Amino acid sequence: MFVVDAKRYVDKRPELRVEGGILRPRVEKLMVGGRDRTKLIDGVPGQVEQVRAALGETVPVAGVLCLIEPEWPLVGGYFSTRGIRVVAPRRLSKILDECGGEVDVASVRDRISAAFPRA
């Protein structure tokens, strides 16, 4: 199961900036169009934990931040930081296609619907 947080950034290049390391603590920042957008990453683990709590231990849950319409490079278009994948929509589609395993979709849907009623 993937929790996908999608954000739209038109024509802005996402990158993972790594600072520190040997003498200072390593810090990873999500930069989009030259601006620090690390808070987007910070919100995903909480969303993942809410879904995990709703599903219990029966279904593995991972978090993904999908950036829509940015200026992704022709090759790549993804990276990971803090256990969260940051991807372009095309890459997300490939990740979802490659996933295997058997999941009772109706059961997962019912548990998610019960845990997260419509607003």
PDB file of N, CA and C in Angstrom:
ATOM      1  N   MET A   1       0.855  -1.165   0.000  1.00  0.00           N
ATOM      2  CA  MET A   1       0.000   0.000   0.000  1.00  0.00           C
ATOM      3  C   MET A   1       0.898   1.224   0.000  1.00  0.00           C
ATOM      4  N   PHE A   2       0.573   2.181  -0.844  1.00  0.00           N
ATOM      5  CA  PHE A   2       1.321   3.427  -0.897  1.00  0.00           C
ATOM      6  C   PHE A   2       0.434   4.586  -0.492  1.00  0.00           C
ATOM      7  N   VAL A   3       0.961   5.448   0.344  1.00  0.00           N
ATOM      8  CA  VAL A   3       0.325   6.721   0.650  1.00  0.00           C
ATOM      9  C   VAL A   3       1.029   7.729  -0.248  1.00  0.00           C
ATOM     10  N   VAL A   4       0.278   8.315  -1.184  1.00  0.00           N
ATOM     11  CA  VAL A   4       0.855   9.230  -2.158  1.00  0.00           C
ATOM     12  C   VAL A   4       0.374  10.642  -1.844  1.00  0.00           C
ATOM     13  N   ASP A   5       1.324  11.512  -1.551  1.00  0.00           N
ATOM     14  CA  ASP A   5       1.039  12.928  -1.360  1.00  0.00           C
ATOM     15  C   ASP A   5       1.498  13.608  -2.645  1.00  0.00           C
ATOM     16  N   ALA A   6       0.577  14.196  -3.389  1.00  0.00           N
ATOM     17  CA  ALA A   6       0.893  14.816  -4.670  1.00  0.00           C
ATOM     18  C   ALA A   6       0.889  16.338  -4.527  1.00  0.00           C
ATOM     19  N   LYS A   7       1.913  16.955  -5.076  1.00  0.00           N
ATOM     20  CA  LYS A   7       2.042  18.409  -5.072  1.00  0.00           C
ATOM     21  C   LYS A   7       2.380  18.871  -6.479  1.00  0.00           C
ATOM     22  N   ARG A   8       1.825  20.004  -6.865  1.00  0.00           N
ATOM     23  CA  ARG A   8       2.047  20.536  -8.217  1.00  0.00           C
ATOM     24  C   ARG A   8       3.035  21.695  -8.159  1.00  0.00           C
ATOM     25  N   TYR A   9       4.128  21.533  -8.881  1.00  0.00           N
ATOM     26  CA  TYR A   9       5.147  22.579  -9.023  1.00  0.00           C
ATOM     27  C   TYR A   9       5.480  22.687 -10.501  1.00  0.00           C
ATOM     28  N   VAL A  10       4.945  23.693 -11.167  1.00  0.00           N
ATOM     29  CA  VAL A  10       5.132  23.839 -12.606  1.00  0.00           C
ATOM     30  C   VAL A  10       6.501  24.465 -12.886  1.00  0.00           C
ATOM     31  N   ASP A  11       7.272  23.791 -13.743  1.00  0.00           N
ATOM     32  CA  ASP A  11       8.549  24.292 -14.244  1.00  0.00           C
ATOM     33  C   ASP A  11       9.568  24.638 -13.165  1.00  0.00           C
ATOM     34  N   LYS A  12       9.567  23.906 -12.074  1.00  0.00           N
ATOM     35  CA  LYS A  12      10.567  24.112 -11.029  1.00  0.00           C
ATOM     36  C   LYS A  12      11.285  22.786 -10.798  1.00  0.00           C
ATOM     37  N   ARG A  13      12.595  22.820 -10.808  1.00  0.00           N
ATOM     38  CA  ARG A  13      13.386  21.587 -10.688  1.00  0.00           C
ATOM     39  C   ARG A  13      13.523  21.137  -9.242  1.00  0.00           C
ATOM     40  N   PRO A  14      13.111  19.884  -8.951  1.00  0.00           N
ATOM     41  CA  PRO A  14      13.328  19.321  -7.612  1.00  0.00           C
ATOM     42  C   PRO A  14      14.728  18.720  -7.514  1.00  0.00           C
ATOM     43  N   GLU A  15      15.307  18.828  -6.332  1.00  0.00           N
ATOM     44  CA  GLU A  15      16.604  18.204  -6.100  1.00  0.00           C
ATOM     45  C   GLU A  15      16.753  17.882  -4.620  1.00  0.00           C
ATOM     46  N   LEU A  16      17.593  16.926  -4.352  1.00  0.00           N
ATOM     47  CA  LEU A  16      17.939  16.571  -2.986  1.00  0.00           C
ATOM     48  C   LEU A  16      19.281  17.218  -2.679  1.00  0.00           C
ATOM     49  N   ARG A  17      19.289  18.128  -1.708  1.00  0.00           N
ATOM     50  CA  ARG A  17      20.524  18.800  -1.323  1.00  0.00           C
ATOM     51  C   ARG A  17      21.010  18.171  -0.017  1.00  0.00           C
ATOM     52  N   VAL A  18      22.245  17.709  -0.026  1.00  0.00           N
ATOM     53  CA  VAL A  18      22.842  17.083   1.156  1.00  0.00           C
ATOM     54  C   VAL A  18      23.916  18.011   1.692  1.00  0.00           C
ATOM     55  N   GLU A  19      23.792  18.352   2.973  1.00  0.00           N
ATOM     56  CA  GLU A  19      24.764  19.225   3.619  1.00  0.00           C
ATOM     57  C   GLU A  19      25.367  18.495   4.816  1.00  0.00           C
ATOM     58  N   GLY A  20      26.564  18.878   5.186  1.00  0.00           N
ATOM     59  CA  GLY A  20      27.214  18.250   6.332  1.00  0.00           C
ATOM     60  C   GLY A  20      27.808  16.917   5.942  1.00  0.00           C
ATOM     61  N   GLY A  21      28.071  16.118   6.958  1.00  0.00           N
ATOM     62  CA  GLY A  21      28.624  14.804   6.688  1.00  0.00           C
ATOM     63  C   GLY A  21      29.709  14.425   7.659  1.00  0.00           C
ATOM     64  N   ILE A  22      30.961  14.691   7.300  1.00  0.00           N
ATOM     65  CA  ILE A  22      32.087  14.205   8.087  1.00  0.00           C
ATOM     66  C   ILE A  22      32.181  14.902   9.445  1.00  0.00           C
ATOM     67  N   LEU A  23      32.219  16.221   9.465  1.00  0.00           N
ATOM     68  CA  LEU A  23      32.381  16.942  10.723  1.00  0.00           C
ATOM     69  C   LEU A  23      31.069  17.468  11.283  1.00  0.00           C
ATOM     70  N   ARG A  24      30.093  17.606  10.459  1.00  0.00           N
ATOM     71  CA  ARG A  24      28.777  18.097  10.895  1.00  0.00           C
ATOM     72  C   ARG A  24      27.738  17.022  10.610  1.00  0.00           C
ATOM     73  N   PRO A  25      26.618  17.071  11.300  1.00  0.00           N
ATOM     74  CA  PRO A  25      25.564  16.094  11.009  1.00  0.00           C
ATOM     75  C   PRO A  25      25.082  16.229   9.563  1.00  0.00           C
ATOM     76  N   ARG A  26      24.799  15.106   8.971  1.00  0.00           N
ATOM     77  CA  ARG A  26      24.289  15.076   7.598  1.00  0.00           C
ATOM     78  C   ARG A  26      22.833  15.544   7.608  1.00  0.00           C
ATOM     79  N   VAL A  27      22.516  16.496   6.741  1.00  0.00           N
ATOM     80  CA  VAL A  27      21.169  17.026   6.632  1.00  0.00           C
ATOM     81  C   VAL A  27      20.747  16.956   5.168  1.00  0.00           C
ATOM     82  N   GLU A  28      19.598  16.334   4.920  1.00  0.00           N
ATOM     83  CA  GLU A  28      19.060  16.251   3.567  1.00  0.00           C
ATOM     84  C   GLU A  28      17.872  17.201   3.456  1.00  0.00           C
ATOM     85  N   LYS A  29      17.871  18.002   2.379  1.00  0.00           N
ATOM     86  CA  LYS A  29      16.797  18.956   2.157  1.00  0.00           C
ATOM     87  C   LYS A  29      16.192  18.742   0.782  1.00  0.00           C
ATOM     88  N   LEU A  30      14.875  18.849   0.710  1.00  0.00           N
ATOM     89  CA  LEU A  30      14.182  18.834  -0.575  1.00  0.00           C
ATOM     90  C   LEU A  30      14.115  20.270  -1.071  1.00  0.00           C
ATOM     91  N   MET A  31      14.737  20.517  -2.207  1.00  0.00           N
ATOM     92  CA  MET A  31      14.718  21.844  -2.814  1.00  0.00           C
ATOM     93  C   MET A  31      13.887  21.764  -4.094  1.00  0.00           C
ATOM     94  N   VAL A  32      12.981  22.716  -4.272  1.00  0.00           N
ATOM     95  CA  VAL A  32      12.179  22.787  -5.492  1.00  0.00           C
ATOM     96  C   VAL A  32      12.277  24.212  -6.007  1.00  0.00           C
ATOM     97  N   GLY A  33      12.828  24.354  -7.195  1.00  0.00           N
ATOM     98  CA  GLY A  33      13.019  25.682  -7.755  1.00  0.00           C
ATOM     99  C   GLY A  33      13.917  26.557  -6.898  1.00  0.00           C
ATOM    100  N   GLY A  34      14.883  25.938  -6.214  1.00  0.00           N
ATOM    101  CA  GLY A  34      15.817  26.669  -5.380  1.00  0.00           C
ATOM    102  C   GLY A  34      15.291  27.014  -3.992  1.00  0.00           C
ATOM    103  N   ARG A  35      14.061  26.616  -3.667  1.00  0.00           N
ATOM    104  CA  ARG A  35      13.487  26.920  -2.352  1.00  0.00           C
ATOM    105  C   ARG A  35      13.391  25.649  -1.516  1.00  0.00           C
ATOM    106  N   ASP A  36      13.602  25.803  -0.225  1.00  0.00           N
ATOM    107  CA  ASP A  36      13.548  24.678   0.698  1.00  0.00           C
ATOM    108  C   ASP A  36      12.094  24.236   0.881  1.00  0.00           C
ATOM    109  N   ARG A  37      11.785  23.023   0.447  1.00  0.00           N
ATOM    110  CA  ARG A  37      10.448  22.439   0.580  1.00  0.00           C
ATOM    111  C   ARG A  37      10.491  21.154   1.397  1.00  0.00           C
ATOM    112  N   THR A  38      11.434  21.078   2.340  1.00  0.00           N
ATOM    113  CA  THR A  38      11.609  19.890   3.167  1.00  0.00           C
ATOM    114  C   THR A  38      10.361  19.579   3.978  1.00  0.00           C
ATOM    115  N   LYS A  39       9.561  20.581   4.298  1.00  0.00           N
ATOM    116  CA  LYS A  39       8.339  20.348   5.070  1.00  0.00           C
ATOM    117  C   LYS A  39       7.379  19.409   4.344  1.00  0.00           C
ATOM    118  N   LEU A  40       7.458  19.350   3.020  1.00  0.00           N
ATOM    119  CA  LEU A  40       6.624  18.402   2.268  1.00  0.00           C
ATOM    120  C   LEU A  40       6.989  16.971   2.652  1.00  0.00           C
ATOM    121  N   ILE A  41       8.279  16.705   2.819  1.00  0.00           N
ATOM    122  CA  ILE A  41       8.751  15.380   3.240  1.00  0.00           C
ATOM    123  C   ILE A  41       8.334  15.118   4.676  1.00  0.00           C
ATOM    124  N   ASP A  42       8.443  16.134   5.529  1.00  0.00           N
ATOM    125  CA  ASP A  42       8.146  15.972   6.949  1.00  0.00           C
ATOM    126  C   ASP A  42       6.711  15.529   7.209  1.00  0.00           C
ATOM    127  N   GLY A  43       5.776  15.875   6.320  1.00  0.00           N
ATOM    128  CA  GLY A  43       4.377  15.528   6.531  1.00  0.00           C
ATOM    129  C   GLY A  43       4.005  14.104   6.150  1.00  0.00           C
ATOM    130  N   VAL A  44       4.778  13.479   5.284  1.00  0.00           N
ATOM    131  CA  VAL A  44       4.409  12.155   4.759  1.00  0.00           C
ATOM    132  C   VAL A  44       4.453  11.056   5.821  1.00  0.00           C
ATOM    133  N   PRO A  45       5.471  10.966   6.686  1.00  0.00           N
ATOM    134  CA  PRO A  45       5.480   9.884   7.679  1.00  0.00           C
ATOM    135  C   PRO A  45       4.239   9.876   8.579  1.00  0.00           C
ATOM    136  N   GLY A  46       3.729  11.037   8.935  1.00  0.00           N
ATOM    137  CA  GLY A  46       2.512  11.085   9.744  1.00  0.00           C
ATOM    138  C   GLY A  46       1.317  10.500   9.009  1.00  0.00           C
ATOM    139  N   GLN A  47       1.231  10.789   7.716  1.00  0.00           N
ATOM    140  CA  GLN A  47       0.154  10.227   6.894  1.00  0.00           C
ATOM    141  C   GLN A  47       0.288   8.709   6.806  1.00  0.00           C
ATOM    142  N   VAL A  48       1.521   8.250   6.629  1.00  0.00           N
ATOM    143  CA  VAL A  48       1.781   6.803   6.552  1.00  0.00           C
ATOM    144  C   VAL A  48       1.378   6.126   7.856  1.00  0.00           C
ATOM    145  N   GLU A  49       1.731   6.717   8.980  1.00  0.00           N
ATOM    146  CA  GLU A  49       1.389   6.115  10.275  1.00  0.00           C
ATOM    147  C   GLU A  49      -0.115   6.051  10.499  1.00  0.00           C
ATOM    148  N   GLN A  50      -0.858   7.044  10.042  1.00  0.00           N
ATOM    149  CA  GLN A  50      -2.316   7.008  10.170  1.00  0.00           C
ATOM    150  C   GLN A  50      -2.899   5.852   9.365  1.00  0.00           C
ATOM    151  N   VAL A  51      -2.376   5.634   8.182  1.00  0.00           N
ATOM    152  CA  VAL A  51      -2.863   4.521   7.352  1.00  0.00           C
ATOM    153  C   VAL A  51      -2.443   3.192   7.963  1.00  0.00           C
ATOM    154  N   ARG A  52      -1.211   3.099   8.469  1.00  0.00           N
ATOM    155  CA  ARG A  52      -0.762   1.863   9.139  1.00  0.00           C
ATOM    156  C   ARG A  52      -1.659   1.530  10.326  1.00  0.00           C
ATOM    157  N   ALA A  53      -2.012   2.549  11.095  1.00  0.00           N
ATOM    158  CA  ALA A  53      -2.878   2.324  12.259  1.00  0.00           C
ATOM    159  C   ALA A  53      -4.240   1.801  11.819  1.00  0.00           C
ATOM    160  N   ALA A  54      -4.737   2.287  10.704  1.00  0.00           N
ATOM    161  CA  ALA A  54      -6.039   1.840  10.210  1.00  0.00           C
ATOM    162  C   ALA A  54      -5.989   0.411   9.677  1.00  0.00           C
ATOM    163  N   LEU A  55      -4.860   0.036   9.081  1.00  0.00           N
ATOM    164  CA  LEU A  55      -4.743  -1.285   8.450  1.00  0.00           C
ATOM    165  C   LEU A  55      -4.135  -2.334   9.360  1.00  0.00           C
ATOM    166  N   GLY A  56      -3.465  -1.920  10.419  1.00  0.00           N
ATOM    167  CA  GLY A  56      -2.785  -2.886  11.272  1.00  0.00           C
ATOM    168  C   GLY A  56      -1.544  -3.410  10.583  1.00  0.00           C
ATOM    169  N   GLU A  57      -1.087  -4.530  11.027  1.00  0.00           N
ATOM    170  CA  GLU A  57       0.153  -5.116  10.504  1.00  0.00           C
ATOM    171  C   GLU A  57      -0.063  -5.978   9.270  1.00  0.00           C
ATOM    172  N   THR A  58      -1.282  -6.061   8.779  1.00  0.00           N
ATOM    173  CA  THR A  58      -1.576  -6.991   7.690  1.00  0.00           C
ATOM    174  C   THR A  58      -1.103  -6.508   6.325  1.00  0.00           C
ATOM    175  N   VAL A  59      -0.948  -5.198   6.152  1.00  0.00           N
ATOM    176  CA  VAL A  59      -0.574  -4.650   4.849  1.00  0.00           C
ATOM    177  C   VAL A  59       0.612  -3.694   5.037  1.00  0.00           C
ATOM    178  N   PRO A  60       1.714  -3.913   4.314  1.00  0.00           N
ATOM    179  CA  PRO A  60       2.826  -2.965   4.405  1.00  0.00           C
ATOM    180  C   PRO A  60       2.445  -1.633   3.758  1.00  0.00           C
ATOM    181  N   VAL A  61       2.882  -0.530   4.378  1.00  0.00           N
ATOM    182  CA  VAL A  61       2.529   0.808   3.896  1.00  0.00           C
ATOM    183  C   VAL A  61       3.813   1.611   3.717  1.00  0.00           C
ATOM    184  N   ALA A  62       3.930   2.303   2.583  1.00  0.00           N
ATOM    185  CA  ALA A  62       5.097   3.152   2.303  1.00  0.00           C
ATOM    186  C   ALA A  62       4.610   4.516   1.827  1.00  0.00           C
ATOM    187  N   GLY A  63       5.442   5.519   2.039  1.00  0.00           N
ATOM    188  CA  GLY A  63       5.082   6.875   1.647  1.00  0.00           C
ATOM    189  C   GLY A  63       5.805   7.330   0.398  1.00  0.00           C
ATOM    190  N   VAL A  64       5.085   8.113  -0.422  1.00  0.00           N
ATOM    191  CA  VAL A  64       5.625   8.652  -1.660  1.00  0.00           C
ATOM    192  C   VAL A  64       5.184  10.103  -1.789  1.00  0.00           C
ATOM    193  N   LEU A  65       6.112  10.963  -2.186  1.00  0.00           N
ATOM    194  CA  LEU A  65       5.780  12.340  -2.531  1.00  0.00           C
ATOM    195  C   LEU A  65       5.912  12.438  -4.044  1.00  0.00           C
ATOM    196  N   CYS A  66       4.801  12.695  -4.718  1.00  0.00           N
ATOM    197  CA  CYS A  66       4.788  12.778  -6.177  1.00  0.00           C
ATOM    198  C   CYS A  66       4.690  14.248  -6.569  1.00  0.00           C
ATOM    199  N   LEU A  67       5.722  14.740  -7.262  1.00  0.00           N
ATOM    200  CA  LEU A  67       5.742  16.125  -7.713  1.00  0.00           C
ATOM    201  C   LEU A  67       5.285  16.180  -9.167  1.00  0.00           C
ATOM    202  N   ILE A  68       4.189  16.896  -9.385  1.00  0.00           N
ATOM    203  CA  ILE A  68       3.533  16.941 -10.688  1.00  0.00           C
ATOM    204  C   ILE A  68       3.954  18.204 -11.441  1.00  0.00           C
ATOM    205  N   GLU A  69       4.315  18.034 -12.690  1.00  0.00           N
ATOM    206  CA  GLU A  69       4.685  19.086 -13.631  1.00  0.00           C
ATOM    207  C   GLU A  69       5.933  19.887 -13.282  1.00  0.00           C
ATOM    208  N   PRO A  70       6.855  19.331 -12.474  1.00  0.00           N
ATOM    209  CA  PRO A  70       8.092  20.097 -12.293  1.00  0.00           C
ATOM    210  C   PRO A  70       9.015  19.861 -13.481  1.00  0.00           C
ATOM    211  N   GLU A  71      10.181  20.408 -13.419  1.00  0.00           N
ATOM    212  CA  GLU A  71      11.186  20.265 -14.459  1.00  0.00           C
ATOM    213  C   GLU A  71      12.095  19.094 -14.105  1.00  0.00           C
ATOM    214  N   TRP A  72      11.568  17.861 -14.178  1.00  0.00           N
ATOM    215  CA  TRP A  72      12.374  16.677 -13.867  1.00  0.00           C
ATOM    216  C   TRP A  72      13.402  16.476 -14.968  1.00  0.00           C
ATOM    217  N   PRO A  73      14.561  15.927 -14.652  1.00  0.00           N
ATOM    218  CA  PRO A  73      15.539  15.616 -15.704  1.00  0.00           C
ATOM    219  C   PRO A  73      15.013  14.488 -16.591  1.00  0.00           C
ATOM    220  N   LEU A  74      15.566  14.404 -17.808  1.00  0.00           N
ATOM    221  CA  LEU A  74      15.122  13.358 -18.734  1.00  0.00           C
ATOM    222  C   LEU A  74      15.411  11.963 -18.204  1.00  0.00           C
ATOM    223  N   VAL A  75      16.529  11.801 -17.507  1.00  0.00           N
ATOM    224  CA  VAL A  75      16.897  10.509 -16.927  1.00  0.00           C
ATOM    225  C   VAL A  75      16.757  10.627 -15.415  1.00  0.00           C
ATOM    226  N   GLY A  76      16.186   9.633 -14.814  1.00  0.00           N
ATOM    227  CA  GLY A  76      16.020   9.623 -13.363  1.00  0.00           C
ATOM    228  C   GLY A  76      14.611  10.038 -12.996  1.00  0.00           C
ATOM    229  N   GLY A  77      14.459  11.193 -12.444  1.00  0.00           N
ATOM    230  CA  GLY A  77      13.137  11.668 -12.064  1.00  0.00           C
ATOM    231  C   GLY A  77      12.674  11.112 -10.731  1.00  0.00           C
ATOM    232  N   TYR A  78      13.630  10.805  -9.856  1.00  0.00           N
ATOM    233  CA  TYR A  78      13.249  10.315  -8.534  1.00  0.00           C
ATOM    234  C   TYR A  78      14.462  10.283  -7.622  1.00  0.00           C
ATOM    235  N   PHE A  79      14.202  10.312  -6.323  1.00  0.00           N
ATOM    236  CA  PHE A  79      15.212  10.094  -5.300  1.00  0.00           C
ATOM    237  C   PHE A  79      14.473   9.783  -4.013  1.00  0.00           C
ATOM    238  N   SER A  80      15.207   9.371  -2.998  1.00  0.00           N
ATOM    239  CA  SER A  80      14.620   9.052  -1.701  1.00  0.00           C
ATOM    240  C   SER A  80      15.327   9.836  -0.616  1.00  0.00           C
ATOM    241  N   THR A  81      14.571  10.224   0.390  1.00  0.00           N
ATOM    242  CA  THR A  81      15.128  10.853   1.569  1.00  0.00           C
ATOM    243  C   THR A  81      14.256  10.497   2.760  1.00  0.00           C
ATOM    244  N   ARG A  82      14.893  10.126   3.857  1.00  0.00           N
ATOM    245  CA  ARG A  82      14.200   9.756   5.085  1.00  0.00           C
ATOM    246  C   ARG A  82      13.173   8.644   4.873  1.00  0.00           C
ATOM    247  N   GLY A  83      13.452   7.754   3.934  1.00  0.00           N
ATOM    248  CA  GLY A  83      12.554   6.635   3.672  1.00  0.00           C
ATOM    249  C   GLY A  83      11.353   6.990   2.811  1.00  0.00           C
ATOM    250  N   ILE A  84      11.303   8.211   2.299  1.00  0.00           N
ATOM    251  CA  ILE A  84      10.200   8.659   1.453  1.00  0.00           C
ATOM    252  C   ILE A  84      10.725   8.803   0.031  1.00  0.00           C
ATOM    253  N   ARG A  85      10.035   8.197  -0.912  1.00  0.00           N
ATOM    254  CA  ARG A  85      10.408   8.354  -2.309  1.00  0.00           C
ATOM    255  C   ARG A  85       9.817   9.664  -2.834  1.00  0.00           C
ATOM    256  N   VAL A  86      10.632  10.421  -3.548  1.00  0.00           N
ATOM    257  CA  VAL A  86      10.183  11.642  -4.214  1.00  0.00           C
ATOM    258  C   VAL A  86      10.271  11.351  -5.707  1.00  0.00           C
ATOM    259  N   VAL A  87       9.124  11.377  -6.383  1.00  0.00           N
ATOM    260  CA  VAL A  87       9.067  10.870  -7.751  1.00  0.00           C
ATOM    261  C   VAL A  87       8.230  11.759  -8.664  1.00  0.00           C
ATOM    262  N   ALA A  88       8.458  11.569  -9.959  1.00  0.00           N
ATOM    263  CA  ALA A  88       7.606  12.129 -11.001  1.00  0.00           C
ATOM    264  C   ALA A  88       6.445  11.152 -11.227  1.00  0.00           C
ATOM    265  N   PRO A  89       5.327  11.611 -11.765  1.00  0.00           N
ATOM    266  CA  PRO A  89       4.190  10.708 -12.000  1.00  0.00           C
ATOM    267  C   PRO A  89       4.551   9.483 -12.842  1.00  0.00           C
ATOM    268  N   ARG A  90       5.381   9.658 -13.850  1.00  0.00           N
ATOM    269  CA  ARG A  90       5.762   8.525 -14.706  1.00  0.00           C
ATOM    270  C   ARG A  90       6.511   7.466 -13.904  1.00  0.00           C
ATOM    271  N   ARG A  91       7.395   7.910 -13.007  1.00  0.00           N
ATOM    272  CA  ARG A  91       8.152   6.978 -12.169  1.00  0.00           C
ATOM    273  C   ARG A  91       7.230   6.291 -11.160  1.00  0.00           C
ATOM    274  N   LEU A  92       6.278   7.043 -10.605  1.00  0.00           N
ATOM    275  CA  LEU A  92       5.311   6.448  -9.675  1.00  0.00           C
ATOM    276  C   LEU A  92       4.537   5.335 -10.359  1.00  0.00           C
ATOM    277  N   SER A  93       4.151   5.567 -11.601  1.00  0.00           N
ATOM    278  CA  SER A  93       3.434   4.537 -12.353  1.00  0.00           C
ATOM    279  C   SER A  93       4.271   3.265 -12.479  1.00  0.00           C
ATOM    280  N   LYS A  94       5.568   3.411 -12.749  1.00  0.00           N
ATOM    281  CA  LYS A  94       6.450   2.239 -12.855  1.00  0.00           C
ATOM    282  C   LYS A  94       6.575   1.525 -11.513  1.00  0.00           C
ATOM    283  N   ILE A  95       6.696   2.290 -10.426  1.00  0.00           N
ATOM    284  CA  ILE A  95       6.807   1.693  -9.091  1.00  0.00           C
ATOM    285  C   ILE A  95       5.560   0.864  -8.791  1.00  0.00           C
ATOM    286  N   LEU A  96       4.399   1.418  -9.085  1.00  0.00           N
ATOM    287  CA  LEU A  96       3.148   0.712  -8.815  1.00  0.00           C
ATOM    288  C   LEU A  96       3.011  -0.532  -9.681  1.00  0.00           C
ATOM    289  N   ASP A  97       3.456  -0.450 -10.942  1.00  0.00           N
ATOM    290  CA  ASP A  97       3.394  -1.605 -11.838  1.00  0.00           C
ATOM    291  C   ASP A  97       4.304  -2.741 -11.377  1.00  0.00           C
ATOM    292  N   GLU A  98       5.446  -2.394 -10.764  1.00  0.00           N
ATOM    293  CA  GLU A  98       6.432  -3.391 -10.345  1.00  0.00           C
ATOM    294  C   GLU A  98       6.073  -4.083  -9.037  1.00  0.00           C
ATOM    295  N   CYS A  99       5.128  -3.532  -8.296  1.00  0.00           N
ATOM    296  CA  CYS A  99       4.774  -4.109  -6.999  1.00  0.00           C
ATOM    297  C   CYS A  99       4.021  -5.411  -7.191  1.00  0.00           C
ATOM    298  N   GLY A 100       4.381  -6.347  -6.381  1.00  0.00           N
ATOM    299  CA  GLY A 100       3.698  -7.629  -6.417  1.00  0.00           C
ATOM    300  C   GLY A 100       2.985  -7.872  -5.111  1.00  0.00           C
ATOM    301  N   GLY A 101       2.452  -9.033  -4.995  1.00  0.00           N
ATOM    302  CA  GLY A 101       1.789  -9.397  -3.749  1.00  0.00           C
ATOM    303  C   GLY A 101       0.284  -9.426  -3.900  1.00  0.00           C
ATOM    304  N   GLU A 102      -0.314 -10.118  -3.004  1.00  0.00           N
ATOM    305  CA  GLU A 102      -1.759 -10.253  -3.002  1.00  0.00           C
ATOM    306  C   GLU A 102      -2.352  -9.398  -1.898  1.00  0.00           C
ATOM    307  N   VAL A 103      -3.300  -8.581  -2.249  1.00  0.00           N
ATOM    308  CA  VAL A 103      -3.984  -7.735  -1.284  1.00  0.00           C
ATOM    309  C   VAL A 103      -5.477  -7.862  -1.509  1.00  0.00           C
ATOM    310  N   ASP A 104      -6.214  -8.021  -0.437  1.00  0.00           N
ATOM    311  CA  ASP A 104      -7.665  -8.035  -0.511  1.00  0.00           C
ATOM    312  C   ASP A 104      -8.128  -6.581  -0.622  1.00  0.00           C
ATOM    313  N   VAL A 105      -8.289  -6.102  -1.841  1.00  0.00           N
ATOM    314  CA  VAL A 105      -8.569  -4.688  -2.095  1.00  0.00           C
ATOM    315  C   VAL A 105      -9.859  -4.245  -1.414  1.00  0.00           C
ATOM    316  N   ALA A 106     -10.881  -5.058  -1.460  1.00  0.00           N
ATOM    317  CA  ALA A 106     -12.162  -4.684  -0.845  1.00  0.00           C
ATOM    318  C   ALA A 106     -12.012  -4.500   0.665  1.00  0.00           C
ATOM    319  N   SER A 107     -11.253  -5.377   1.294  1.00  0.00           N
ATOM    320  CA  SER A 107     -11.041  -5.270   2.736  1.00  0.00           C
ATOM    321  C   SER A 107     -10.250  -4.017   3.091  1.00  0.00           C
ATOM    322  N   VAL A 108      -9.199  -3.745   2.327  1.00  0.00           N
ATOM    323  CA  VAL A 108      -8.397  -2.546   2.571  1.00  0.00           C
ATOM    324  C   VAL A 108      -9.250  -1.301   2.347  1.00  0.00           C
ATOM    325  N   ARG A 109     -10.015  -1.287   1.286  1.00  0.00           N
ATOM    326  CA  ARG A 109     -10.903  -0.144   1.001  1.00  0.00           C
ATOM    327  C   ARG A 109     -11.874   0.088   2.145  1.00  0.00           C
ATOM    328  N   ASP A 110     -12.466  -0.973   2.660  1.00  0.00           N
ATOM    329  CA  ASP A 110     -13.436  -0.836   3.743  1.00  0.00           C
ATOM    330  C   ASP A 110     -12.778  -0.309   5.019  1.00  0.00           C
ATOM    331  N   ARG A 111     -11.581  -0.806   5.331  1.00  0.00           N
ATOM    332  CA  ARG A 111     -10.895  -0.339   6.539  1.00  0.00           C
ATOM    333  C   ARG A 111     -10.457   1.118   6.410  1.00  0.00           C
ATOM    334  N   ILE A 112      -9.988   1.492   5.229  1.00  0.00           N
ATOM    335  CA  ILE A 112      -9.598   2.889   4.999  1.00  0.00           C
ATOM    336  C   ILE A 112     -10.827   3.799   5.064  1.00  0.00           C
ATOM    337  N   SER A 113     -11.918   3.377   4.463  1.00  0.00           N
ATOM    338  CA  SER A 113     -13.144   4.178   4.477  1.00  0.00           C
ATOM    339  C   SER A 113     -13.668   4.379   5.906  1.00  0.00           C
ATOM    340  N   ALA A 114     -13.565   3.348   6.714  1.00  0.00           N
ATOM    341  CA  ALA A 114     -14.031   3.449   8.103  1.00  0.00           C
ATOM    342  C   ALA A 114     -13.126   4.372   8.928  1.00  0.00           C
ATOM    343  N   ALA A 115     -11.818   4.299   8.667  1.00  0.00           N
ATOM    344  CA  ALA A 115     -10.867   5.098   9.442  1.00  0.00           C
ATOM    345  C   ALA A 115     -10.842   6.569   9.012  1.00  0.00           C
ATOM    346  N   PHE A 116     -11.135   6.827   7.742  1.00  0.00           N
ATOM    347  CA  PHE A 116     -11.055   8.175   7.197  1.00  0.00           C
ATOM    348  C   PHE A 116     -12.378   8.535   6.506  1.00  0.00           C
ATOM    349  N   PRO A 117     -13.420   8.856   7.287  1.00  0.00           N
ATOM    350  CA  PRO A 117     -14.711   9.196   6.665  1.00  0.00           C
ATOM    351  C   PRO A 117     -14.594  10.482   5.859  1.00  0.00           C
ATOM    352  N   ARG A 118     -15.470  10.612   4.895  1.00  0.00           N
ATOM    353  CA  ARG A 118     -15.468  11.822   4.061  1.00  0.00           C
ATOM    354  C   ARG A 118     -15.784  13.043   4.887  1.00  0.00           C
ATOM    355  N   ALA A 119     -15.145  14.123   4.535  1.00  0.00           N
ATOM    356  CA  ALA A 119     -15.353  15.389   5.267  1.00  0.00           C
ATOM    357  C   ALA A 119     -16.667  16.044   4.857  1.00  0.00           C
TER     358      ALA A 119
END
